[in-house]
Amino acid sequence: MQQAVIREALYAEFVAEAAGRQADAWSHEAVGPEVVAGLWSTVARMRLTSSRAVVNEAEAVVRNVIEAYAAPNRTFNDLRQRAQAQAREFHDPLREFGEACRAELLAVRDSSVASTAKRSGSRRNAPVI
């Protein structure tokens, strides 16, 4: 269960940073690569413990942020118009990442619960001396 808590904190950190960078990228050009350094650092930490699916989605988010910084600046009205035009299918740039994280966290928690049940079951069946 502790693994799930640690990963969840890491994923939340990444989401907060990525959302902030994505919003900033809409109206600013990147001065240099340091604008994504925090994101790359978090992705590198994910590679230590996370599934390939989570890392792939995190890398896609970073690429999206880089592309947003490279695109022409946009206004909030541009965002509003885009959201209205795609009302039913508005693309959340973090959706796939969040879904991959949710699936992984559920698997980690399920594994932890099964492991705990197995350990406590083996103690119940142990012979009494």
N, C-alpha and C. Protein backbone atom coordinates (compact mmCIF):
# COMPACT_ATOMS: atom_id res chain seq x y z
N MET A 1 0.83 -1.19 0.00
CA MET A 1 0.00 0.00 0.00
C MET A 1 0.88 1.25 0.00
N GLN A 2 2.01 1.19 0.66
CA GLN A 2 2.91 2.33 0.72
C GLN A 2 3.41 2.71 -0.68
N GLN A 3 3.66 1.71 -1.54
CA GLN A 3 4.09 1.98 -2.92
C GLN A 3 3.05 2.81 -3.65
N ALA A 4 1.79 2.49 -3.45
CA ALA A 4 0.71 3.22 -4.11
C ALA A 4 0.68 4.67 -3.64
N VAL A 5 0.87 4.90 -2.37
CA VAL A 5 0.86 6.26 -1.81
C VAL A 5 2.03 7.07 -2.38
N ILE A 6 3.20 6.46 -2.46
CA ILE A 6 4.38 7.15 -3.00
C ILE A 6 4.17 7.49 -4.46
N ARG A 7 3.67 6.54 -5.24
CA ARG A 7 3.43 6.79 -6.66
C ARG A 7 2.35 7.85 -6.86
N GLU A 8 1.31 7.77 -6.07
CA GLU A 8 0.23 8.75 -6.21
C GLU A 8 0.75 10.17 -5.97
N ALA A 9 1.62 10.34 -4.99
CA ALA A 9 2.20 11.66 -4.73
C ALA A 9 3.06 12.12 -5.91
N LEU A 10 3.82 11.21 -6.48
CA LEU A 10 4.65 11.54 -7.64
C LEU A 10 3.78 11.94 -8.83
N TYR A 11 2.71 11.20 -9.06
CA TYR A 11 1.81 11.50 -10.18
C TYR A 11 1.10 12.84 -9.96
N ALA A 12 0.70 13.11 -8.73
CA ALA A 12 0.05 14.39 -8.43
C ALA A 12 1.00 15.55 -8.66
N GLU A 13 2.27 15.37 -8.29
CA GLU A 13 3.29 16.40 -8.53
C GLU A 13 3.42 16.67 -10.03
N PHE A 14 3.46 15.60 -10.82
CA PHE A 14 3.59 15.75 -12.26
C PHE A 14 2.37 16.45 -12.86
N VAL A 15 1.18 16.07 -12.43
CA VAL A 15 -0.05 16.68 -12.94
C VAL A 15 -0.06 18.18 -12.64
N ALA A 16 0.28 18.56 -11.42
CA ALA A 16 0.29 19.98 -11.06
C ALA A 16 1.28 20.76 -11.91
N GLU A 17 2.48 20.22 -12.08
CA GLU A 17 3.50 20.89 -12.89
C GLU A 17 3.09 20.95 -14.35
N ALA A 18 2.59 19.85 -14.88
CA ALA A 18 2.21 19.80 -16.30
C ALA A 18 1.04 20.73 -16.59
N ALA A 19 0.05 20.77 -15.72
CA ALA A 19 -1.09 21.66 -15.92
C ALA A 19 -0.65 23.11 -15.91
N GLY A 20 0.24 23.45 -14.99
CA GLY A 20 0.76 24.82 -14.93
C GLY A 20 1.56 25.18 -16.17
N ARG A 21 2.39 24.25 -16.62
CA ARG A 21 3.19 24.50 -17.83
C ARG A 21 2.32 24.60 -19.07
N GLN A 22 1.30 23.74 -19.15
CA GLN A 22 0.40 23.77 -20.30
C GLN A 22 -0.32 25.12 -20.36
N ALA A 23 -0.81 25.58 -19.24
CA ALA A 23 -1.50 26.88 -19.19
C ALA A 23 -0.53 28.02 -19.53
N ASP A 24 0.67 27.96 -19.01
CA ASP A 24 1.66 28.99 -19.30
C ASP A 24 2.02 29.00 -20.78
N ALA A 25 2.11 27.82 -21.36
CA ALA A 25 2.51 27.69 -22.77
C ALA A 25 1.48 28.31 -23.71
N TRP A 26 0.23 28.38 -23.29
CA TRP A 26 -0.79 28.97 -24.15
C TRP A 26 -0.51 30.43 -24.46
N SER A 27 0.09 31.14 -23.50
CA SER A 27 0.26 32.58 -23.70
C SER A 27 1.72 33.05 -23.63
N HIS A 28 2.65 32.14 -23.57
CA HIS A 28 4.07 32.50 -23.49
C HIS A 28 4.91 31.58 -24.38
N GLU A 29 5.99 32.12 -24.84
CA GLU A 29 6.98 31.29 -25.52
C GLU A 29 8.01 30.87 -24.49
N ALA A 30 8.57 29.70 -24.67
CA ALA A 30 9.60 29.23 -23.74
C ALA A 30 10.88 30.02 -23.96
N VAL A 31 11.48 30.43 -22.88
CA VAL A 31 12.75 31.14 -22.95
C VAL A 31 13.88 30.15 -23.21
N GLY A 32 13.74 28.95 -22.64
CA GLY A 32 14.76 27.92 -22.81
C GLY A 32 14.21 26.59 -22.32
N PRO A 33 15.02 25.56 -22.43
CA PRO A 33 14.56 24.21 -22.06
C PRO A 33 14.27 24.04 -20.57
N GLU A 34 14.72 24.97 -19.76
CA GLU A 34 14.48 24.83 -18.32
C GLU A 34 12.99 24.86 -17.96
N VAL A 35 12.14 25.35 -18.88
CA VAL A 35 10.71 25.38 -18.57
C VAL A 35 10.12 23.98 -18.43
N VAL A 36 10.77 22.98 -19.01
CA VAL A 36 10.27 21.61 -18.88
C VAL A 36 11.19 20.74 -18.01
N ALA A 37 12.18 21.34 -17.40
CA ALA A 37 13.13 20.57 -16.58
C ALA A 37 12.43 19.84 -15.43
N GLY A 38 11.49 20.50 -14.78
CA GLY A 38 10.76 19.87 -13.68
C GLY A 38 9.95 18.68 -14.15
N LEU A 39 9.36 18.80 -15.34
CA LEU A 39 8.59 17.68 -15.90
C LEU A 39 9.50 16.51 -16.21
N TRP A 40 10.63 16.78 -16.87
CA TRP A 40 11.55 15.69 -17.21
C TRP A 40 12.11 15.02 -15.96
N SER A 41 12.35 15.82 -14.93
CA SER A 41 12.84 15.26 -13.67
C SER A 41 11.82 14.29 -13.08
N THR A 42 10.56 14.68 -13.11
CA THR A 42 9.52 13.82 -12.56
C THR A 42 9.36 12.56 -13.40
N VAL A 43 9.44 12.69 -14.73
CA VAL A 43 9.35 11.51 -15.60
C VAL A 43 10.51 10.56 -15.30
N ALA A 44 11.69 11.11 -15.10
CA ALA A 44 12.85 10.26 -14.79
C ALA A 44 12.62 9.49 -13.49
N ARG A 45 12.00 10.13 -12.50
CA ARG A 45 11.70 9.43 -11.24
C ARG A 45 10.64 8.36 -11.46
N MET A 46 9.70 8.62 -12.37
CA MET A 46 8.67 7.61 -12.67
C MET A 46 9.31 6.36 -13.27
N ARG A 47 10.35 6.55 -14.08
CA ARG A 47 10.99 5.40 -14.73
C ARG A 47 11.55 4.41 -13.71
N LEU A 48 11.80 4.86 -12.50
CA LEU A 48 12.36 3.99 -11.46
C LEU A 48 11.33 2.98 -10.94
N THR A 49 10.04 3.35 -10.93
CA THR A 49 9.06 2.47 -10.31
C THR A 49 7.77 2.27 -11.10
N SER A 50 7.51 3.12 -12.07
CA SER A 50 6.22 3.09 -12.76
C SER A 50 6.22 2.15 -13.95
N SER A 51 5.03 1.80 -14.39
CA SER A 51 4.88 0.93 -15.56
C SER A 51 5.26 1.69 -16.83
N ARG A 52 5.53 0.94 -17.87
CA ARG A 52 5.85 1.52 -19.17
C ARG A 52 4.69 2.37 -19.66
N ALA A 53 3.45 1.95 -19.40
CA ALA A 53 2.26 2.69 -19.85
C ALA A 53 2.23 4.08 -19.22
N VAL A 54 2.51 4.18 -17.93
CA VAL A 54 2.50 5.47 -17.25
C VAL A 54 3.62 6.35 -17.79
N VAL A 55 4.81 5.80 -17.94
CA VAL A 55 5.94 6.58 -18.44
C VAL A 55 5.67 7.06 -19.87
N ASN A 56 5.12 6.20 -20.71
CA ASN A 56 4.80 6.60 -22.08
C ASN A 56 3.83 7.77 -22.10
N GLU A 57 2.81 7.71 -21.27
CA GLU A 57 1.82 8.80 -21.23
C GLU A 57 2.43 10.08 -20.66
N ALA A 58 3.31 9.96 -19.68
CA ALA A 58 3.98 11.14 -19.13
C ALA A 58 4.86 11.79 -20.20
N GLU A 59 5.57 10.97 -20.96
CA GLU A 59 6.40 11.51 -22.04
C GLU A 59 5.55 12.21 -23.09
N ALA A 60 4.37 11.68 -23.37
CA ALA A 60 3.45 12.31 -24.33
C ALA A 60 2.99 13.68 -23.82
N VAL A 61 2.75 13.78 -22.52
CA VAL A 61 2.36 15.06 -21.92
C VAL A 61 3.49 16.07 -22.08
N VAL A 62 4.72 15.65 -21.83
CA VAL A 62 5.87 16.57 -21.97
C VAL A 62 5.98 17.03 -23.42
N ARG A 63 5.83 16.11 -24.37
CA ARG A 63 5.88 16.51 -25.78
C ARG A 63 4.78 17.51 -26.11
N ASN A 64 3.60 17.29 -25.55
CA ASN A 64 2.48 18.20 -25.76
C ASN A 64 2.80 19.60 -25.22
N VAL A 65 3.40 19.66 -24.04
CA VAL A 65 3.78 20.95 -23.45
C VAL A 65 4.81 21.64 -24.33
N ILE A 66 5.80 20.90 -24.79
CA ILE A 66 6.83 21.48 -25.67
C ILE A 66 6.18 22.04 -26.94
N GLU A 67 5.28 21.29 -27.53
CA GLU A 67 4.58 21.75 -28.74
C GLU A 67 3.75 23.00 -28.45
N ALA A 68 3.13 23.04 -27.30
CA ALA A 68 2.32 24.21 -26.93
C ALA A 68 3.20 25.45 -26.78
N TYR A 69 4.39 25.29 -26.20
CA TYR A 69 5.31 26.43 -26.09
C TYR A 69 5.78 26.88 -27.47
N ALA A 70 5.93 25.95 -28.40
CA ALA A 70 6.41 26.28 -29.74
C ALA A 70 5.33 26.92 -30.61
N ALA A 71 4.07 26.68 -30.27
CA ALA A 71 2.96 27.21 -31.06
C ALA A 71 2.79 28.71 -30.80
N PRO A 72 2.10 29.38 -31.70
CA PRO A 72 1.83 30.82 -31.48
C PRO A 72 1.06 31.02 -30.18
N ASN A 73 1.29 32.14 -29.53
CA ASN A 73 0.57 32.46 -28.30
C ASN A 73 -0.93 32.53 -28.56
N ARG A 74 -1.70 32.10 -27.59
CA ARG A 74 -3.14 32.13 -27.70
C ARG A 74 -3.73 32.85 -26.49
N THR A 75 -4.94 33.27 -26.63
CA THR A 75 -5.62 33.97 -25.55
C THR A 75 -6.57 33.03 -24.84
N PHE A 76 -7.10 33.51 -23.72
CA PHE A 76 -8.10 32.72 -23.02
C PHE A 76 -9.34 32.54 -23.89
N ASN A 77 -9.66 33.55 -24.67
CA ASN A 77 -10.81 33.45 -25.58
C ASN A 77 -10.58 32.34 -26.61
N ASP A 78 -9.34 32.18 -27.08
CA ASP A 78 -9.03 31.07 -27.99
C ASP A 78 -9.33 29.73 -27.31
N LEU A 79 -8.95 29.59 -26.07
CA LEU A 79 -9.20 28.36 -25.32
C LEU A 79 -10.70 28.14 -25.15
N ARG A 80 -11.42 29.20 -24.81
CA ARG A 80 -12.87 29.10 -24.65
C ARG A 80 -13.54 28.66 -25.95
N GLN A 81 -13.13 29.25 -27.06
CA GLN A 81 -13.71 28.89 -28.35
C GLN A 81 -13.40 27.44 -28.71
N ARG A 82 -12.20 27.02 -28.41
CA ARG A 82 -11.82 25.63 -28.68
C ARG A 82 -12.66 24.67 -27.84
N ALA A 83 -12.85 25.02 -26.57
CA ALA A 83 -13.64 24.18 -25.67
C ALA A 83 -15.09 24.11 -26.14
N GLN A 84 -15.64 25.22 -26.59
CA GLN A 84 -17.02 25.23 -27.08
C GLN A 84 -17.15 24.42 -28.36
N ALA A 85 -16.18 24.54 -29.25
CA ALA A 85 -16.23 23.82 -30.52
C ALA A 85 -16.14 22.31 -30.30
N GLN A 86 -15.45 21.93 -29.25
CA GLN A 86 -15.25 20.50 -28.97
C GLN A 86 -15.99 20.11 -27.69
N ALA A 87 -17.14 20.73 -27.45
CA ALA A 87 -17.86 20.58 -26.18
C ALA A 87 -17.94 19.13 -25.70
N ARG A 88 -18.29 18.23 -26.59
CA ARG A 88 -18.43 16.83 -26.18
C ARG A 88 -17.13 16.08 -26.19
N GLU A 89 -16.18 16.54 -26.95
CA GLU A 89 -14.92 15.81 -27.10
C GLU A 89 -13.71 16.68 -26.76
N PHE A 90 -13.87 17.60 -25.81
CA PHE A 90 -12.75 18.46 -25.44
C PHE A 90 -11.61 17.60 -24.94
N HIS A 91 -10.46 17.79 -25.53
CA HIS A 91 -9.31 16.94 -25.20
C HIS A 91 -8.55 17.50 -24.01
N ASP A 92 -8.57 16.76 -22.93
CA ASP A 92 -7.78 17.09 -21.75
C ASP A 92 -6.39 16.52 -21.98
N PRO A 93 -5.35 17.36 -22.06
CA PRO A 93 -4.02 16.84 -22.36
C PRO A 93 -3.45 15.90 -21.29
N LEU A 94 -4.10 15.82 -20.14
CA LEU A 94 -3.63 14.94 -19.07
C LEU A 94 -4.53 13.72 -18.88
N ARG A 95 -5.57 13.59 -19.67
CA ARG A 95 -6.54 12.50 -19.47
C ARG A 95 -5.90 11.12 -19.57
N GLU A 96 -5.17 10.86 -20.65
CA GLU A 96 -4.59 9.52 -20.84
C GLU A 96 -3.57 9.21 -19.75
N PHE A 97 -2.81 10.23 -19.34
CA PHE A 97 -1.86 10.03 -18.24
C PHE A 97 -2.61 9.65 -16.97
N GLY A 98 -3.66 10.38 -16.66
CA GLY A 98 -4.44 10.10 -15.46
C GLY A 98 -5.05 8.71 -15.47
N GLU A 99 -5.54 8.29 -16.64
CA GLU A 99 -6.13 6.96 -16.75
C GLU A 99 -5.09 5.86 -16.57
N ALA A 100 -3.89 6.07 -17.13
CA ALA A 100 -2.81 5.08 -16.96
C ALA A 100 -2.41 5.01 -15.48
N CYS A 101 -2.35 6.15 -14.83
CA CYS A 101 -1.99 6.18 -13.41
C CYS A 101 -3.04 5.47 -12.56
N ARG A 102 -4.30 5.75 -12.85
CA ARG A 102 -5.39 5.12 -12.09
C ARG A 102 -5.31 3.59 -12.20
N ALA A 103 -5.12 3.10 -13.42
CA ALA A 103 -5.03 1.66 -13.64
C ALA A 103 -3.86 1.07 -12.86
N GLU A 104 -2.72 1.75 -12.92
CA GLU A 104 -1.55 1.23 -12.23
C GLU A 104 -1.74 1.26 -10.72
N LEU A 105 -2.28 2.35 -10.18
CA LEU A 105 -2.48 2.45 -8.74
C LEU A 105 -3.46 1.38 -8.24
N LEU A 106 -4.51 1.13 -9.02
CA LEU A 106 -5.45 0.06 -8.63
C LEU A 106 -4.75 -1.29 -8.61
N ALA A 107 -3.90 -1.55 -9.61
CA ALA A 107 -3.17 -2.82 -9.66
C ALA A 107 -2.21 -2.94 -8.49
N VAL A 108 -1.52 -1.86 -8.15
CA VAL A 108 -0.57 -1.88 -7.03
C VAL A 108 -1.32 -2.12 -5.73
N ARG A 109 -2.45 -1.44 -5.56
CA ARG A 109 -3.23 -1.61 -4.33
C ARG A 109 -3.81 -3.03 -4.23
N ASP A 110 -4.33 -3.54 -5.36
CA ASP A 110 -4.86 -4.91 -5.36
C ASP A 110 -3.76 -5.92 -5.02
N SER A 111 -2.59 -5.72 -5.58
CA SER A 111 -1.46 -6.60 -5.32
C SER A 111 -1.06 -6.55 -3.85
N SER A 112 -1.09 -5.36 -3.29
CA SER A 112 -0.73 -5.19 -1.89
C SER A 112 -1.74 -5.87 -0.98
N VAL A 113 -3.02 -5.73 -1.30
CA VAL A 113 -4.07 -6.36 -0.50
C VAL A 113 -3.96 -7.88 -0.59
N ALA A 114 -3.73 -8.40 -1.80
CA ALA A 114 -3.60 -9.85 -1.98
C ALA A 114 -2.38 -10.38 -1.23
N SER A 115 -1.30 -9.63 -1.27
CA SER A 115 -0.08 -10.04 -0.59
C SER A 115 -0.29 -10.06 0.93
N THR A 116 -0.97 -9.05 1.44
CA THR A 116 -1.25 -8.98 2.87
C THR A 116 -2.16 -10.14 3.29
N ALA A 117 -3.18 -10.41 2.49
CA ALA A 117 -4.10 -11.52 2.80
C ALA A 117 -3.38 -12.85 2.78
N LYS A 118 -2.48 -13.01 1.83
CA LYS A 118 -1.74 -14.26 1.72
C LYS A 118 -0.84 -14.46 2.96
N ARG A 119 -0.17 -13.37 3.37
CA ARG A 119 0.70 -13.47 4.55
C ARG A 119 -0.11 -13.78 5.81
N SER A 120 -1.23 -13.10 5.99
CA SER A 120 -2.02 -13.34 7.20
C SER A 120 -2.68 -14.73 7.15
N GLY A 121 -3.04 -15.19 5.96
CA GLY A 121 -3.60 -16.54 5.82
C GLY A 121 -2.60 -17.61 6.15
N SER A 122 -1.35 -17.42 5.76
CA SER A 122 -0.32 -18.43 6.04
C SER A 122 -0.01 -18.47 7.52
N ARG A 123 -0.19 -17.37 8.22
CA ARG A 123 0.04 -17.38 9.65
C ARG A 123 -1.08 -18.11 10.37
N ARG A 124 -2.30 -17.98 9.84
CA ARG A 124 -3.45 -18.67 10.46
C ARG A 124 -3.34 -20.17 10.31
N ASN A 125 -2.77 -20.62 9.21
CA ASN A 125 -2.67 -22.05 8.93
C ASN A 125 -1.40 -22.67 9.49
N ALA A 126 -0.56 -21.86 10.11
CA ALA A 126 0.68 -22.40 10.65
C ALA A 126 0.39 -23.29 11.85
N PRO A 127 1.16 -24.36 11.99
CA PRO A 127 0.90 -25.24 13.15
C PRO A 127 1.24 -24.54 14.45
N VAL A 128 0.47 -24.82 15.45
CA VAL A 128 0.69 -24.26 16.79
C VAL A 128 1.62 -25.18 17.54
N ILE A 129 2.64 -24.62 18.13
CA ILE A 129 3.62 -25.44 18.87
C ILE A 129 3.39 -25.29 20.35
